[in-house]
Amino acid sequence: MIPGKENPQKALFQIAAQQGGYFTTQQAGEAGYYTRLRHYHLHSGNWERVGRGVYRLSGYPLDLRDDWIRWCLWSCNRKGEIQAVVSHTSAGLYHELADYLPAKTHLTVPPGFRRKAPAACILHKRRLPVEDVEDLGGYRVTTPYRTLLDLKQDHGEPDQWAQALEEAAKRGLITLKQKESLSR
């Protein structure tokens, strides 16, 4: 056991609980799991490998956010910072705008992001201002305004976009000024 890490199981569970049961290799190490202990838990079935450097506690309940958490953790840089933001039609689904049901997860990543998009994802490269991103613990999603802006720029189905705009305004997700700027 690493000195100062009296209960790695509790520390890792606290991290994973905020991220839908998911965690990275780096987070496991910070919780106190050294390499051999990580291998033991993986091979004994306590953990499931879901991707390169991303794991999940076995038996942890699944929910709607699972794919988003997984892909955002997949995007972590060497410092352990999440690079991806759930965006476009995936963010439209999150914010319950119109009837967006994307077949793939849409993520916005910084322009210098080098990883190849997994088959389940579509990557959009853009630097997003902090005010355009909501941090939801384990994953990030674009704000309703940024989501509508992205959807408008994608030139999707105009009726669906108009429905999303009206829905966001009606529910108070965007201001009247933001609605007017999007309507131009």
Protein backbone atom coordinates (compact mmCIF):
# COMPACT_ATOMS: atom_id res chain seq x y z
CA MET A 1 0.00 0.00 0.00
CA ILE A 2 1.22 3.50 -0.81
CA PRO A 3 1.96 5.59 2.31
CA GLY A 4 -0.85 8.07 3.00
CA LYS A 5 -3.35 5.97 1.04
CA GLU A 6 -4.96 4.02 3.88
CA ASN A 7 -8.11 3.13 1.97
CA PRO A 8 -7.65 3.15 -1.82
CA GLN A 9 -10.97 1.35 -2.34
CA LYS A 10 -12.92 4.14 -0.63
CA ALA A 11 -10.92 6.85 -2.44
CA LEU A 12 -11.49 5.24 -5.85
CA PHE A 13 -15.18 4.68 -5.15
CA GLN A 14 -15.60 8.38 -4.33
CA ILE A 15 -14.00 9.32 -7.66
CA ALA A 16 -15.96 6.73 -9.65
CA ALA A 17 -19.28 7.59 -7.97
CA GLN A 18 -19.02 11.13 -9.38
CA GLN A 19 -18.38 9.72 -12.85
CA GLY A 20 -21.05 7.03 -13.24
CA GLY A 21 -18.73 4.28 -11.98
CA TYR A 22 -15.94 5.17 -14.44
CA PHE A 23 -12.35 6.14 -13.68
CA THR A 24 -9.00 6.42 -15.43
CA THR A 25 -5.72 4.62 -14.80
CA GLN A 26 -4.33 7.90 -13.51
CA GLN A 27 -7.22 8.33 -11.05
CA ALA A 28 -6.74 4.76 -9.76
CA GLY A 29 -3.06 5.50 -9.18
CA GLU A 30 -3.91 8.72 -7.33
CA ALA A 31 -6.36 6.76 -5.14
CA GLY A 32 -3.54 4.40 -4.14
CA TYR A 33 -3.74 1.49 -6.57
CA TYR A 34 -0.25 0.61 -7.76
CA THR A 35 0.22 -1.33 -11.01
CA ARG A 36 0.03 -4.90 -9.62
CA LEU A 37 -3.05 -4.07 -7.57
CA ARG A 38 -4.73 -2.58 -10.66
CA HIS A 39 -4.00 -5.77 -12.62
CA TYR A 40 -5.41 -7.88 -9.79
CA HIS A 41 -8.73 -5.98 -9.72
CA LEU A 42 -9.03 -6.06 -13.49
CA HIS A 43 -8.36 -9.81 -13.76
CA SER A 44 -10.48 -10.71 -10.72
CA GLY A 45 -13.47 -8.98 -12.32
CA ASN A 46 -13.79 -6.09 -9.86
CA TRP A 47 -13.09 -3.64 -12.68
CA GLU A 48 -13.99 -3.68 -16.37
CA ARG A 49 -11.75 -2.19 -19.03
CA VAL A 50 -13.92 -0.06 -21.31
CA GLY A 51 -11.21 1.62 -23.32
CA ARG A 52 -7.60 2.70 -23.36
CA GLY A 53 -6.90 3.90 -19.81
CA VAL A 54 -10.60 3.93 -18.86
CA TYR A 55 -12.23 1.47 -16.43
CA ARG A 56 -15.57 0.93 -14.74
CA LEU A 57 -16.42 -0.59 -11.39
CA SER A 58 -18.12 -3.94 -12.10
CA GLY A 59 -21.80 -3.93 -11.23
CA TYR A 60 -22.09 -0.16 -11.00
CA PRO A 61 -25.58 0.85 -12.26
CA LEU A 62 -25.79 2.09 -15.85
CA ASP A 63 -27.55 5.29 -16.86
CA LEU A 64 -28.04 7.62 -19.84
CA ARG A 65 -24.75 9.46 -19.24
CA ASP A 66 -22.53 6.36 -19.48
CA ASP A 67 -21.30 6.86 -23.04
CA TRP A 68 -20.70 10.55 -22.46
CA ILE A 69 -18.65 9.91 -19.31
CA ARG A 70 -16.69 7.16 -21.03
CA TRP A 71 -15.77 9.28 -24.05
CA CYS A 72 -14.95 12.37 -22.00
CA LEU A 73 -12.60 10.30 -19.79
CA TRP A 74 -11.13 8.74 -22.95
CA SER A 75 -10.21 12.26 -24.05
CA CYS A 76 -8.11 13.09 -20.96
CA ASN A 77 -4.70 14.54 -21.62
CA ARG A 78 -1.53 13.49 -19.77
CA LYS A 79 -2.42 15.81 -16.90
CA GLY A 80 -5.74 13.99 -16.48
CA GLU A 81 -7.78 16.93 -17.83
CA ILE A 82 -10.89 16.13 -19.84
CA GLN A 83 -10.53 17.52 -23.37
CA ALA A 84 -13.90 16.58 -24.92
CA VAL A 85 -17.25 18.31 -24.45
CA VAL A 86 -20.54 16.63 -25.38
CA SER A 87 -21.93 18.84 -28.13
CA HIS A 88 -24.15 19.25 -31.19
CA THR A 89 -27.03 16.75 -31.40
CA SER A 90 -25.78 14.87 -28.32
CA ALA A 91 -26.03 18.09 -26.29
CA GLY A 92 -29.44 18.65 -27.90
CA LEU A 93 -30.48 15.30 -26.45
CA TYR A 94 -29.05 16.24 -23.03
CA HIS A 95 -30.92 19.56 -22.96
CA GLU A 96 -34.06 17.86 -24.35
CA LEU A 97 -34.27 20.20 -27.33
CA ALA A 98 -36.60 19.05 -30.11
CA ASP A 99 -36.29 15.35 -30.92
CA TYR A 100 -32.54 14.93 -31.28
CA LEU A 101 -31.56 11.26 -31.12
CA PRO A 102 -28.02 11.05 -32.52
CA ALA A 103 -26.72 7.71 -33.75
CA LYS A 104 -23.21 8.67 -32.58
CA THR A 105 -21.89 10.75 -29.70
CA HIS A 106 -20.84 14.22 -30.83
CA LEU A 107 -17.84 15.67 -29.00
CA THR A 108 -16.05 18.98 -29.43
CA VAL A 109 -12.31 18.75 -28.79
CA PRO A 110 -9.51 21.35 -28.97
CA PRO A 111 -7.94 21.94 -32.42
CA GLY A 112 -4.69 20.16 -31.46
CA PHE A 113 -6.44 16.97 -30.25
CA ARG A 114 -4.71 14.02 -31.93
CA ARG A 115 -6.61 10.88 -31.02
CA LYS A 116 -8.57 9.20 -33.78
CA ALA A 117 -12.35 9.33 -33.35
CA PRO A 118 -13.78 6.00 -32.14
CA ALA A 119 -16.46 4.51 -34.40
CA ALA A 120 -19.13 5.56 -31.88
CA CYS A 121 -18.14 9.24 -31.95
CA ILE A 122 -17.98 12.26 -34.21
CA LEU A 123 -15.31 14.78 -33.26
CA HIS A 124 -15.68 18.50 -33.93
CA LYS A 125 -12.51 20.54 -33.47
CA ARG A 126 -12.98 23.97 -31.91
CA ARG A 127 -11.76 25.84 -28.87
CA LEU A 128 -14.78 26.51 -26.65
CA PRO A 129 -14.92 29.47 -24.28
CA VAL A 130 -15.42 28.51 -20.61
CA GLU A 131 -18.85 30.17 -20.59
CA ASP A 132 -20.05 27.77 -23.32
CA VAL A 133 -19.40 24.65 -21.22
CA GLU A 134 -21.22 23.08 -18.25
CA ASP A 135 -19.17 20.72 -16.02
CA LEU A 136 -21.39 17.87 -14.86
CA GLY A 137 -18.93 15.68 -12.95
CA GLY A 138 -17.15 13.19 -15.18
CA TYR A 139 -18.31 14.83 -18.37
CA ARG A 140 -18.92 18.26 -19.82
CA VAL A 141 -21.65 19.46 -22.15
CA THR A 142 -22.16 22.63 -24.17
CA THR A 143 -24.64 25.17 -22.83
CA PRO A 144 -28.05 25.40 -24.50
CA TYR A 145 -27.00 28.56 -26.37
CA ARG A 146 -23.74 27.00 -27.67
CA THR A 147 -25.66 23.83 -28.57
CA LEU A 148 -28.18 25.78 -30.64
CA LEU A 149 -25.38 27.73 -32.31
CA ASP A 150 -23.60 24.48 -33.26
CA LEU A 151 -26.82 22.93 -34.54
CA LYS A 152 -27.57 26.00 -36.65
CA GLN A 153 -24.06 25.98 -38.15
CA ASP A 154 -24.42 22.27 -39.03
CA HIS A 155 -27.29 23.14 -41.38
CA GLY A 156 -29.42 20.29 -40.09
CA GLU A 157 -33.14 19.98 -40.54
CA PRO A 158 -34.53 23.58 -40.32
CA ASP A 159 -37.86 22.58 -38.76
CA GLN A 160 -36.15 20.58 -36.03
CA TRP A 161 -33.75 23.45 -35.30
CA ALA A 162 -36.62 25.96 -35.10
CA GLN A 163 -38.45 23.62 -32.71
CA ALA A 164 -35.29 23.38 -30.56
CA LEU A 165 -34.94 27.17 -30.51
CA GLU A 166 -38.56 27.66 -29.43
CA GLU A 167 -38.29 24.93 -26.79
CA ALA A 168 -35.12 26.46 -25.30
CA ALA A 169 -36.70 29.92 -25.16
CA LYS A 170 -39.97 28.64 -23.70
CA ARG A 171 -38.14 26.72 -20.94
CA GLY A 172 -35.86 29.67 -20.13
CA LEU A 173 -32.68 27.89 -21.25
CA ILE A 174 -31.69 30.92 -23.34
CA THR A 175 -32.38 34.62 -22.98
CA LEU A 176 -34.56 36.65 -25.34
CA LYS A 177 -31.40 38.40 -26.58
CA GLN A 178 -29.76 35.03 -27.33
CA LYS A 179 -32.91 33.87 -29.16
CA GLU A 180 -32.87 37.01 -31.29
CA SER A 181 -29.19 36.56 -32.17
CA LEU A 182 -29.80 32.92 -33.14
CA SER A 183 -32.82 33.86 -35.25
CA ARG A 184 -30.74 36.06 -37.57
